[in-house]
């Protein structure tokens, strides 16, 4: 089941004033903050990557995999998503702990 467009819009609204970008990925979405992929939205569920910094903010949150074979992530309930201060602090801490993606360089073969 693909994520509903209204759901992703609601998630982005809950994360205001952070400038979050949602990129479509096979009917689901990757969420980016400051150029870092910190979460996936799959089947109308927000999954935030697990980091040590995020764990300090998360408290007791269930975990699950957004899809078969994926690393476990925090499965954010609707109640937690509606707690704006909590979700913004989790997203900020998680994103700050993640490295910037490696730039794909242009290579000329000899």
PDB file of N, CA and C in Angstrom:
ATOM      1  N   UNK A   1       0.837  -1.169   0.000  1.00  0.00           N
ATOM      2  CA  UNK A   1       0.000   0.000   0.000  1.00  0.00           C
ATOM      3  C   UNK A   1       0.891   1.244   0.000  1.00  0.00           C
ATOM      4  N   UNK A   2       0.706   2.127  -0.905  1.00  0.00           N
ATOM      5  CA  UNK A   2       1.504   3.348  -0.996  1.00  0.00           C
ATOM      6  C   UNK A   2       1.006   4.391   0.000  1.00  0.00           C
ATOM      7  N   UNK A   3       1.897   5.298   0.342  1.00  0.00           N
ATOM      8  CA  UNK A   3       1.539   6.376   1.259  1.00  0.00           C
ATOM      9  C   UNK A   3       0.612   7.362   0.564  1.00  0.00           C
ATOM     10  N   UNK A   4      -0.428   7.752   1.277  1.00  0.00           N
ATOM     11  CA  UNK A   4      -1.416   8.701   0.783  1.00  0.00           C
ATOM     12  C   UNK A   4      -0.812  10.109   0.764  1.00  0.00           C
ATOM     13  N   UNK A   5      -1.055  10.853  -0.306  1.00  0.00           N
ATOM     14  CA  UNK A   5      -0.531  12.217  -0.445  1.00  0.00           C
ATOM     15  C   UNK A   5      -0.967  13.104   0.729  1.00  0.00           C
ATOM     16  N   UNK A   6      -2.187  12.930   1.201  1.00  0.00           N
ATOM     17  CA  UNK A   6      -2.665  13.725   2.339  1.00  0.00           C
ATOM     18  C   UNK A   6      -1.868  13.427   3.606  1.00  0.00           C
ATOM     19  N   UNK A   7      -1.448  12.174   3.769  1.00  0.00           N
ATOM     20  CA  UNK A   7      -0.673  11.817   4.955  1.00  0.00           C
ATOM     21  C   UNK A   7       0.688  12.503   4.936  1.00  0.00           C
ATOM     22  N   UNK A   8       1.363  12.469   3.798  1.00  0.00           N
ATOM     23  CA  UNK A   8       2.689  13.090   3.729  1.00  0.00           C
ATOM     24  C   UNK A   8       2.574  14.599   3.944  1.00  0.00           C
ATOM     25  N   UNK A   9       1.516  15.206   3.430  1.00  0.00           N
ATOM     26  CA  UNK A   9       1.299  16.642   3.653  1.00  0.00           C
ATOM     27  C   UNK A   9       1.072  16.929   5.138  1.00  0.00           C
ATOM     28  N   UNK A  10       0.347  16.055   5.820  1.00  0.00           N
ATOM     29  CA  UNK A  10       0.108  16.226   7.260  1.00  0.00           C
ATOM     30  C   UNK A  10       1.417  16.094   8.045  1.00  0.00           C
ATOM     31  N   UNK A  11       2.261  15.143   7.661  1.00  0.00           N
ATOM     32  CA  UNK A  11       3.549  14.973   8.331  1.00  0.00           C
ATOM     33  C   UNK A  11       4.396  16.226   8.156  1.00  0.00           C
ATOM     34  N   UNK A  12       4.464  16.730   6.934  1.00  0.00           N
ATOM     35  CA  UNK A  12       5.254  17.941   6.679  1.00  0.00           C
ATOM     36  C   UNK A  12       4.716  19.127   7.468  1.00  0.00           C
ATOM     37  N   UNK A  13       3.393  19.204   7.602  1.00  0.00           N
ATOM     38  CA  UNK A  13       2.785  20.274   8.377  1.00  0.00           C
ATOM     39  C   UNK A  13       3.177  20.170   9.851  1.00  0.00           C
ATOM     40  N   UNK A  14       3.197  18.949  10.388  1.00  0.00           N
ATOM     41  CA  UNK A  14       3.548  18.745  11.794  1.00  0.00           C
ATOM     42  C   UNK A  14       5.003  19.126  12.068  1.00  0.00           C
ATOM     43  N   UNK A  15       5.846  19.054  11.044  1.00  0.00           N
ATOM     44  CA  UNK A  15       7.269  19.337  11.219  1.00  0.00           C
ATOM     45  C   UNK A  15       7.641  20.796  10.951  1.00  0.00           C
ATOM     46  N   UNK A  16       6.627  21.645  10.727  1.00  0.00           N
ATOM     47  CA  UNK A  16       6.899  23.073  10.566  1.00  0.00           C
ATOM     48  C   UNK A  16       7.400  23.620  11.887  1.00  0.00           C
ATOM     49  N   UNK A  17       8.335  24.495  11.976  1.00  0.00           N
ATOM     50  CA  UNK A  17       8.922  25.317  10.929  1.00  0.00           C
ATOM     51  C   UNK A  17      10.164  24.727  10.274  1.00  0.00           C
ATOM     52  N   UNK A  18      10.507  23.465  10.575  1.00  0.00           N
ATOM     53  CA  UNK A  18      11.672  22.860   9.920  1.00  0.00           C
ATOM     54  C   UNK A  18      11.426  22.778   8.417  1.00  0.00           C
ATOM     55  N   UNK A  19      12.448  23.011   7.652  1.00  0.00           N
ATOM     56  CA  UNK A  19      12.334  22.939   6.189  1.00  0.00           C
ATOM     57  C   UNK A  19      12.646  21.517   5.741  1.00  0.00           C
ATOM     58  N   UNK A  20      11.617  20.687   5.750  1.00  0.00           N
ATOM     59  CA  UNK A  20      11.731  19.277   5.402  1.00  0.00           C
ATOM     60  C   UNK A  20      11.372  19.102   3.931  1.00  0.00           C
ATOM     61  N   UNK A  21      12.141  18.268   3.251  1.00  0.00           N
ATOM     62  CA  UNK A  21      11.856  17.928   1.864  1.00  0.00           C
ATOM     63  C   UNK A  21      11.412  16.473   1.815  1.00  0.00           C
ATOM     64  N   UNK A  22      10.328  16.214   1.096  1.00  0.00           N
ATOM     65  CA  UNK A  22       9.837  14.839   0.909  1.00  0.00           C
ATOM     66  C   UNK A  22      10.103  14.444  -0.544  1.00  0.00           C
ATOM     67  N   UNK A  23      10.871  13.371  -0.727  1.00  0.00           N
ATOM     68  CA  UNK A  23      11.174  12.897  -2.080  1.00  0.00           C
ATOM     69  C   UNK A  23      10.452  11.571  -2.299  1.00  0.00           C
ATOM     70  N   UNK A  24       9.636  11.495  -3.373  1.00  0.00           N
ATOM     71  CA  UNK A  24       8.939  10.239  -3.655  1.00  0.00           C
ATOM     72  C   UNK A  24       9.921   9.121  -3.999  1.00  0.00           C
ATOM     73  N   UNK A  25       9.622   7.935  -3.459  1.00  0.00           N
ATOM     74  CA  UNK A  25      10.467   6.760  -3.684  1.00  0.00           C
ATOM     75  C   UNK A  25       9.572   5.530  -3.785  1.00  0.00           C
ATOM     76  N   UNK A  26       9.278   5.080  -4.981  1.00  0.00           N
ATOM     77  CA  UNK A  26       8.511   3.849  -5.196  1.00  0.00           C
ATOM     78  C   UNK A  26       7.161   3.852  -4.477  1.00  0.00           C
ATOM     79  N   UNK A  27       6.462   4.962  -4.528  1.00  0.00           N
ATOM     80  CA  UNK A  27       5.159   5.061  -3.897  1.00  0.00           C
ATOM     81  C   UNK A  27       5.220   5.464  -2.435  1.00  0.00           C
ATOM     82  N   UNK A  28       6.415   5.545  -1.904  1.00  0.00           N
ATOM     83  CA  UNK A  28       6.622   5.973  -0.529  1.00  0.00           C
ATOM     84  C   UNK A  28       7.454   7.253  -0.567  1.00  0.00           C
ATOM     85  N   UNK A  29       7.968   7.712   0.584  1.00  0.00           N
ATOM     86  CA  UNK A  29       8.705   8.967   0.622  1.00  0.00           C
ATOM     87  C   UNK A  29       9.921   8.863   1.528  1.00  0.00           C
ATOM     88  N   UNK A  30      10.988   9.544   1.127  1.00  0.00           N
ATOM     89  CA  UNK A  30      12.140   9.771   1.984  1.00  0.00           C
ATOM     90  C   UNK A  30      12.058  11.203   2.470  1.00  0.00           C
ATOM     91  N   UNK A  31      12.319  11.434   3.750  1.00  0.00           N
ATOM     92  CA  UNK A  31      12.292  12.788   4.304  1.00  0.00           C
ATOM     93  C   UNK A  31      13.719  13.253   4.561  1.00  0.00           C
ATOM     94  N   UNK A  32      13.965  14.507   4.171  1.00  0.00           N
ATOM     95  CA  UNK A  32      15.300  15.087   4.273  1.00  0.00           C
ATOM     96  C   UNK A  32      15.253  16.397   5.037  1.00  0.00           C
ATOM     97  N   UNK A  33      16.267  16.589   5.886  1.00  0.00           N
ATOM     98  CA  UNK A  33      16.431  17.836   6.613  1.00  0.00           C
ATOM     99  C   UNK A  33      17.905  18.193   6.554  1.00  0.00           C
ATOM    100  N   UNK A  34      18.187  19.397   6.090  1.00  0.00           N
ATOM    101  CA  UNK A  34      19.566  19.865   5.918  1.00  0.00           C
ATOM    102  C   UNK A  34      20.375  18.913   5.046  1.00  0.00           C
ATOM    103  N   UNK A  35      19.714  18.372   4.029  1.00  0.00           N
ATOM    104  CA  UNK A  35      20.384  17.492   3.075  1.00  0.00           C
ATOM    105  C   UNK A  35      20.583  16.065   3.536  1.00  0.00           C
ATOM    106  N   UNK A  36      20.057  15.720   4.702  1.00  0.00           N
ATOM    107  CA  UNK A  36      20.248  14.376   5.251  1.00  0.00           C
ATOM    108  C   UNK A  36      18.927  13.620   5.292  1.00  0.00           C
ATOM    109  N   UNK A  37      18.949  12.367   4.865  1.00  0.00           N
ATOM    110  CA  UNK A  37      17.766  11.515   4.933  1.00  0.00           C
ATOM    111  C   UNK A  37      17.642  10.992   6.360  1.00  0.00           C
ATOM    112  N   UNK A  38      16.632  11.484   7.069  1.00  0.00           N
ATOM    113  CA  UNK A  38      16.473  11.106   8.477  1.00  0.00           C
ATOM    114  C   UNK A  38      15.287  10.163   8.693  1.00  0.00           C
ATOM    115  N   UNK A  39      14.423  10.005   7.676  1.00  0.00           N
ATOM    116  CA  UNK A  39      13.220   9.194   7.890  1.00  0.00           C
ATOM    117  C   UNK A  39      12.645   8.708   6.565  1.00  0.00           C
ATOM    118  N   UNK A  40      11.802   7.687   6.680  1.00  0.00           N
ATOM    119  CA  UNK A  40      11.000   7.191   5.568  1.00  0.00           C
ATOM    120  C   UNK A  40       9.539   7.227   5.989  1.00  0.00           C
ATOM    121  N   UNK A  41       8.682   7.437   5.035  1.00  0.00           N
ATOM    122  CA  UNK A  41       7.249   7.332   5.271  1.00  0.00           C
ATOM    123  C   UNK A  41       6.764   6.203   4.376  1.00  0.00           C
ATOM    124  N   UNK A  42       6.321   5.133   4.997  1.00  0.00           N
ATOM    125  CA  UNK A  42       5.868   3.943   4.275  1.00  0.00           C
ATOM    126  C   UNK A  42       4.517   3.504   4.831  1.00  0.00           C
ATOM    127  N   UNK A  43       3.594   3.204   3.935  1.00  0.00           N
ATOM    128  CA  UNK A  43       2.256   2.746   4.332  1.00  0.00           C
ATOM    129  C   UNK A  43       1.620   3.676   5.370  1.00  0.00           C
ATOM    130  N   UNK A  44       1.712   4.985   5.119  1.00  0.00           N
ATOM    131  CA  UNK A  44       1.136   5.995   6.010  1.00  0.00           C
ATOM    132  C   UNK A  44       1.668   5.909   7.440  1.00  0.00           C
ATOM    133  N   UNK A  45       2.949   5.566   7.577  1.00  0.00           N
ATOM    134  CA  UNK A  45       3.613   5.498   8.873  1.00  0.00           C
ATOM    135  C   UNK A  45       4.961   6.187   8.756  1.00  0.00           C
ATOM    136  N   UNK A  46       5.291   7.021   9.740  1.00  0.00           N
ATOM    137  CA  UNK A  46       6.580   7.697   9.781  1.00  0.00           C
ATOM    138  C   UNK A  46       7.583   6.831  10.527  1.00  0.00           C
ATOM    139  N   UNK A  47       8.725   6.565   9.891  1.00  0.00           N
ATOM    140  CA  UNK A  47       9.817   5.799  10.487  1.00  0.00           C
ATOM    141  C   UNK A  47      11.050   6.696  10.532  1.00  0.00           C
ATOM    142  N   UNK A  48      11.525   7.023  11.735  1.00  0.00           N
ATOM    143  CA  UNK A  48      12.696   7.880  11.911  1.00  0.00           C
ATOM    144  C   UNK A  48      13.897   7.001  12.228  1.00  0.00           C
ATOM    145  N   UNK A  49      15.020   7.276  11.567  1.00  0.00           N
ATOM    146  CA  UNK A  49      16.241   6.503  11.796  1.00  0.00           C
ATOM    147  C   UNK A  49      16.647   6.553  13.260  1.00  0.00           C
ATOM    148  N   UNK A  50      17.268   5.479  13.719  1.00  0.00           N
ATOM    149  CA  UNK A  50      17.729   5.387  15.101  1.00  0.00           C
ATOM    150  C   UNK A  50      19.177   5.865  15.181  1.00  0.00           C
ATOM    151  N   UNK A  51      19.415   6.843  16.048  1.00  0.00           N
ATOM    152  CA  UNK A  51      20.765   7.320  16.357  1.00  0.00           C
ATOM    153  C   UNK A  51      20.867   7.438  17.875  1.00  0.00           C
ATOM    154  N   UNK A  52      22.099   7.536  18.391  1.00  0.00           N
ATOM    155  CA  UNK A  52      22.257   7.717  19.839  1.00  0.00           C
ATOM    156  C   UNK A  52      21.629   9.025  20.294  1.00  0.00           C
ATOM    157  N   UNK A  53      21.853  10.084  19.519  1.00  0.00           N
ATOM    158  CA  UNK A  53      21.287  11.388  19.879  1.00  0.00           C
ATOM    159  C   UNK A  53      19.761  11.339  19.840  1.00  0.00           C
ATOM    160  N   UNK A  54      19.213  10.643  18.864  1.00  0.00           N
ATOM    161  CA  UNK A  54      17.766  10.505  18.771  1.00  0.00           C
ATOM    162  C   UNK A  54      17.205   9.665  19.903  1.00  0.00           C
ATOM    163  N   UNK A  55      17.954   8.651  20.316  1.00  0.00           N
ATOM    164  CA  UNK A  55      17.503   7.787  21.415  1.00  0.00           C
ATOM    165  C   UNK A  55      17.352   8.580  22.701  1.00  0.00           C
ATOM    166  N   UNK A  56      18.225   9.563  22.897  1.00  0.00           N
ATOM    167  CA  UNK A  56      18.140  10.396  24.095  1.00  0.00           C
ATOM    168  C   UNK A  56      16.851  11.224  24.095  1.00  0.00           C
ATOM    169  N   UNK A  57      16.344  11.574  22.930  1.00  0.00           N
ATOM    170  CA  UNK A  57      15.111  12.358  22.809  1.00  0.00           C
ATOM    171  C   UNK A  57      13.868  11.478  22.715  1.00  0.00           C
ATOM    172  N   UNK A  58      14.024  10.292  22.138  1.00  0.00           N
ATOM    173  CA  UNK A  58      12.875   9.453  21.797  1.00  0.00           C
ATOM    174  C   UNK A  58      12.129   8.913  23.009  1.00  0.00           C
ATOM    175  N   UNK A  59      12.877   8.503  24.020  1.00  0.00           N
ATOM    176  CA  UNK A  59      12.211   7.864  25.151  1.00  0.00           C
ATOM    177  C   UNK A  59      11.682   6.498  24.727  1.00  0.00           C
ATOM    178  N   UNK A  60      10.467   6.173  25.163  1.00  0.00           N
ATOM    179  CA  UNK A  60       9.877   4.868  24.833  1.00  0.00           C
ATOM    180  C   UNK A  60       9.042   4.992  23.570  1.00  0.00           C
ATOM    181  N   UNK A  61       9.616   4.545  22.484  1.00  0.00           N
ATOM    182  CA  UNK A  61       8.942   4.573  21.185  1.00  0.00           C
ATOM    183  C   UNK A  61       9.130   3.194  20.560  1.00  0.00           C
ATOM    184  N   UNK A  62       8.074   2.672  19.960  1.00  0.00           N
ATOM    185  CA  UNK A  62       8.196   1.360  19.337  1.00  0.00           C
ATOM    186  C   UNK A  62       9.090   1.449  18.106  1.00  0.00           C
ATOM    187  N   UNK A  63       9.638   0.295  17.750  1.00  0.00           N
ATOM    188  CA  UNK A  63      10.492   0.214  16.575  1.00  0.00           C
ATOM    189  C   UNK A  63       9.894  -0.756  15.576  1.00  0.00           C
ATOM    190  N   UNK A  64      10.261  -0.568  14.320  1.00  0.00           N
ATOM    191  CA  UNK A  64       9.824  -1.462  13.266  1.00  0.00           C
ATOM    192  C   UNK A  64      10.615  -1.169  12.008  1.00  0.00           C
ATOM    193  N   UNK A  65      10.466  -2.002  11.016  1.00  0.00           N
ATOM    194  CA  UNK A  65      11.141  -1.789   9.740  1.00  0.00           C
ATOM    195  C   UNK A  65      10.148  -1.232   8.737  1.00  0.00           C
ATOM    196  N   UNK A  66      10.543  -0.194   8.009  1.00  0.00           N
ATOM    197  CA  UNK A  66       9.622   0.396   7.043  1.00  0.00           C
ATOM    198  C   UNK A  66       9.285  -0.541   5.879  1.00  0.00           C
ATOM    199  N   UNK A  67      10.177  -1.498   5.598  1.00  0.00           N
ATOM    200  CA  UNK A  67       9.942  -2.492   4.548  1.00  0.00           C
ATOM    201  C   UNK A  67      10.842  -3.684   4.829  1.00  0.00           C
ATOM    202  N   UNK A  68      10.549  -4.820   4.214  1.00  0.00           N
ATOM    203  CA  UNK A  68      11.342  -6.029   4.432  1.00  0.00           C
ATOM    204  C   UNK A  68      12.809  -5.783   4.100  1.00  0.00           C
ATOM    205  N   UNK A  69      13.683  -6.151   5.023  1.00  0.00           N
ATOM    206  CA  UNK A  69      15.112  -6.012   4.814  1.00  0.00           C
ATOM    207  C   UNK A  69      15.689  -4.680   5.271  1.00  0.00           C
ATOM    208  N   UNK A  70      14.843  -3.746   5.685  1.00  0.00           N
ATOM    209  CA  UNK A  70      15.318  -2.438   6.139  1.00  0.00           C
ATOM    210  C   UNK A  70      15.780  -2.518   7.592  1.00  0.00           C
ATOM    211  N   UNK A  71      16.678  -1.614   7.955  1.00  0.00           N
ATOM    212  CA  UNK A  71      17.104  -1.512   9.346  1.00  0.00           C
ATOM    213  C   UNK A  71      15.921  -1.057  10.192  1.00  0.00           C
ATOM    214  N   UNK A  72      15.879  -1.473  11.449  1.00  0.00           N
ATOM    215  CA  UNK A  72      14.811  -0.987  12.332  1.00  0.00           C
ATOM    216  C   UNK A  72      14.889   0.536  12.481  1.00  0.00           C
ATOM    217  N   UNK A  73      13.744   1.130  12.698  1.00  0.00           N
ATOM    218  CA  UNK A  73      13.634   2.583  12.887  1.00  0.00           C
ATOM    219  C   UNK A  73      12.546   2.834  13.920  1.00  0.00           C
ATOM    220  N   UNK A  74      12.494   4.072  14.416  1.00  0.00           N
ATOM    221  CA  UNK A  74      11.408   4.418  15.327  1.00  0.00           C
ATOM    222  C   UNK A  74      10.116   4.530  14.526  1.00  0.00           C
ATOM    223  N   UNK A  75       9.103   3.798  14.961  1.00  0.00           N
ATOM    224  CA  UNK A  75       7.772   3.860  14.343  1.00  0.00           C
ATOM    225  C   UNK A  75       6.985   4.910  15.132  1.00  0.00           C
ATOM    226  N   UNK A  76       6.719   6.036  14.479  1.00  0.00           N
ATOM    227  CA  UNK A  76       6.117   7.170  15.171  1.00  0.00           C
ATOM    228  C   UNK A  76       4.588   7.060  15.131  1.00  0.00           C
ATOM    229  N   UNK A  77       3.999   6.987  16.293  1.00  0.00           N
ATOM    230  CA  UNK A  77       2.539   6.901  16.400  1.00  0.00           C
ATOM    231  C   UNK A  77       1.921   8.259  16.081  1.00  0.00           C
ATOM    232  N   UNK A  78       0.627   8.259  15.823  1.00  0.00           N
ATOM    233  CA  UNK A  78      -0.057   9.526  15.549  1.00  0.00           C
ATOM    234  C   UNK A  78      -0.016  10.432  16.776  1.00  0.00           C
ATOM    235  N   UNK A  79      -0.079   9.859  17.977  1.00  0.00           N
ATOM    236  CA  UNK A  79      -0.012  10.676  19.201  1.00  0.00           C
ATOM    237  C   UNK A  79       1.342  11.371  19.305  1.00  0.00           C
ATOM    238  N   UNK A  80       2.424  10.648  19.022  1.00  0.00           N
ATOM    239  CA  UNK A  80       3.765  11.240  19.073  1.00  0.00           C
ATOM    240  C   UNK A  80       3.945  12.261  17.956  1.00  0.00           C
ATOM    241  N   UNK A  81       3.386  11.981  16.780  1.00  0.00           N
ATOM    242  CA  UNK A  81       3.481  12.913  15.661  1.00  0.00           C
ATOM    243  C   UNK A  81       2.774  14.230  15.985  1.00  0.00           C
ATOM    244  N   UNK A  82       1.715  14.155  16.776  1.00  0.00           N
ATOM    245  CA  UNK A  82       0.965  15.351  17.160  1.00  0.00           C
ATOM    246  C   UNK A  82       1.628  16.155  18.283  1.00  0.00           C
ATOM    247  N   UNK A  83       2.664  15.581  18.894  1.00  0.00           N
ATOM    248  CA  UNK A  83       3.430  16.292  19.925  1.00  0.00           C
ATOM    249  C   UNK A  83       4.549  17.051  19.209  1.00  0.00           C
ATOM    250  N   UNK A  84       4.224  18.260  18.759  1.00  0.00           N
ATOM    251  CA  UNK A  84       5.120  19.032  17.886  1.00  0.00           C
ATOM    252  C   UNK A  84       6.499  19.243  18.501  1.00  0.00           C
ATOM    253  N   UNK A  85       6.579  19.627  19.755  1.00  0.00           N
ATOM    254  CA  UNK A  85       7.889  19.863  20.382  1.00  0.00           C
ATOM    255  C   UNK A  85       8.722  18.591  20.388  1.00  0.00           C
ATOM    256  N   UNK A  86       8.096  17.474  20.731  1.00  0.00           N
ATOM    257  CA  UNK A  86       8.809  16.202  20.786  1.00  0.00           C
ATOM    258  C   UNK A  86       9.309  15.778  19.403  1.00  0.00           C
ATOM    259  N   UNK A  87       8.448  15.810  18.392  1.00  0.00           N
ATOM    260  CA  UNK A  87       8.849  15.330  17.062  1.00  0.00           C
ATOM    261  C   UNK A  87       9.916  16.233  16.462  1.00  0.00           C
ATOM    262  N   UNK A  88       9.819  17.539  16.674  1.00  0.00           N
ATOM    263  CA  UNK A  88      10.841  18.451  16.145  1.00  0.00           C
ATOM    264  C   UNK A  88      12.182  18.209  16.836  1.00  0.00           C
ATOM    265  N   UNK A  89      12.163  17.972  18.145  1.00  0.00           N
ATOM    266  CA  UNK A  89      13.425  17.701  18.844  1.00  0.00           C
ATOM    267  C   UNK A  89      14.027  16.374  18.383  1.00  0.00           C
ATOM    268  N   UNK A  90      13.200  15.360  18.132  1.00  0.00           N
ATOM    269  CA  UNK A  90      13.698  14.076  17.639  1.00  0.00           C
ATOM    270  C   UNK A  90      14.301  14.230  16.245  1.00  0.00           C
ATOM    271  N   UNK A  91      13.609  14.918  15.360  1.00  0.00           N
ATOM    272  CA  UNK A  91      14.104  15.098  13.991  1.00  0.00           C
ATOM    273  C   UNK A  91      15.406  15.890  13.985  1.00  0.00           C
ATOM    274  N   UNK A  92      15.475  16.949  14.766  1.00  0.00           N
ATOM    275  CA  UNK A  92      16.681  17.776  14.825  1.00  0.00           C
ATOM    276  C   UNK A  92      17.866  16.982  15.368  1.00  0.00           C
ATOM    277  N   UNK A  93      17.669  16.272  16.461  1.00  0.00           N
ATOM    278  CA  UNK A  93      18.750  15.480  17.057  1.00  0.00           C
ATOM    279  C   UNK A  93      19.209  14.372  16.108  1.00  0.00           C
ATOM    280  N   UNK A  94      18.248  13.702  15.481  1.00  0.00           N
ATOM    281  CA  UNK A  94      18.584  12.616  14.555  1.00  0.00           C
ATOM    282  C   UNK A  94      19.359  13.147  13.361  1.00  0.00           C
ATOM    283  N   UNK A  95      18.867  14.205  12.758  1.00  0.00           N
ATOM    284  CA  UNK A  95      19.531  14.771  11.585  1.00  0.00           C
ATOM    285  C   UNK A  95      20.933  15.273  11.925  1.00  0.00           C
ATOM    286  N   UNK A  96      21.078  15.931  13.061  1.00  0.00           N
ATOM    287  CA  UNK A  96      22.396  16.431  13.464  1.00  0.00           C
ATOM    288  C   UNK A  96      23.397  15.294  13.647  1.00  0.00           C
ATOM    289  N   UNK A  97      22.928  14.117  14.041  1.00  0.00           N
ATOM    290  CA  UNK A  97      23.817  12.981  14.290  1.00  0.00           C
ATOM    291  C   UNK A  97      24.200  12.233  13.006  1.00  0.00           C
ATOM    292  N   UNK A  98      23.465  12.449  11.932  1.00  0.00           N
ATOM    293  CA  UNK A  98      23.732  11.730  10.686  1.00  0.00           C
ATOM    294  C   UNK A  98      24.773  12.461   9.849  1.00  0.00           C
ATOM    295  N   UNK A  99      25.611  11.698   9.133  1.00  0.00           N
ATOM    296  CA  UNK A  99      26.595  12.345   8.249  1.00  0.00           C
ATOM    297  C   UNK A  99      25.919  12.865   6.980  1.00  0.00           C
ATOM    298  N   UNK A 100      26.547  13.856   6.378  1.00  0.00           N
ATOM    299  CA  UNK A 100      26.066  14.311   5.074  1.00  0.00           C
ATOM    300  C   UNK A 100      26.296  13.202   4.065  1.00  0.00           C
ATOM    301  N   UNK A 101      25.419  13.079   3.069  1.00  0.00           N
ATOM    302  CA  UNK A 101      25.634  12.044   2.063  1.00  0.00           C
ATOM    303  C   UNK A 101      26.904  12.317   1.269  1.00  0.00           C
ATOM    304  N   UNK A 102      27.532  11.249   0.833  1.00  0.00           N
ATOM    305  CA  UNK A 102      28.745  11.382   0.024  1.00  0.00           C
ATOM    306  C   UNK A 102      28.362  11.930  -1.340  1.00  0.00           C
ATOM    307  N   UNK A 103      29.159  12.857  -1.801  1.00  0.00           N
ATOM    308  CA  UNK A 103      28.913  13.417  -3.129  1.00  0.00           C
ATOM    309  C   UNK A 103      29.340  12.404  -4.175  1.00  0.00           C
ATOM    310  N   UNK A 104      28.493  12.282  -5.179  1.00  0.00           N
ATOM    311  CA  UNK A 104      28.818  11.385  -6.279  1.00  0.00           C
ATOM    312  C   UNK A 104      29.695  12.148  -7.255  1.00  0.00           C
ATOM    313  N   UNK A 105      30.918  11.727  -7.354  1.00  0.00           N
ATOM    314  CA  UNK A 105      31.873  12.416  -8.207  1.00  0.00           C
ATOM    315  C   UNK A 105      31.799  11.927  -9.643  1.00  0.00           C
ATOM    316  N   UNK A 106      32.220  12.777 -10.524  1.00  0.00           N
ATOM    317  CA  UNK A 106      32.296  12.435 -11.930  1.00  0.00           C
ATOM    318  C   UNK A 106      33.684  11.875 -12.187  1.00  0.00           C
ATOM    319  N   UNK A 107      33.745  10.640 -12.678  1.00  0.00           N
ATOM    320  CA  UNK A 107      35.030  10.012 -12.951  1.00  0.00           C
ATOM    321  C   UNK A 107      35.183   9.778 -14.433  1.00  0.00           C
ATOM    322  N   UNK A 108      36.337  10.082 -14.907  1.00  0.00           N
ATOM    323  CA  UNK A 108      36.671   9.800 -16.301  1.00  0.00           C
ATOM    324  C   UNK A 108      37.504   8.542 -16.310  1.00  0.00           C
ATOM    325  N   UNK A 109      37.072   7.592 -17.058  1.00  0.00           N
ATOM    326  CA  UNK A 109      37.842   6.341 -17.135  1.00  0.00           C
ATOM    327  C   UNK A 109      39.019   6.522 -18.079  1.00  0.00           C
ATOM    328  N   UNK A 110      40.148   5.969 -17.692  1.00  0.00           N
ATOM    329  CA  UNK A 110      41.353   6.094 -18.558  1.00  0.00           C
ATOM    330  C   UNK A 110      41.232   5.282 -19.830  1.00  0.00           C
TER     331      UNK A 110
END
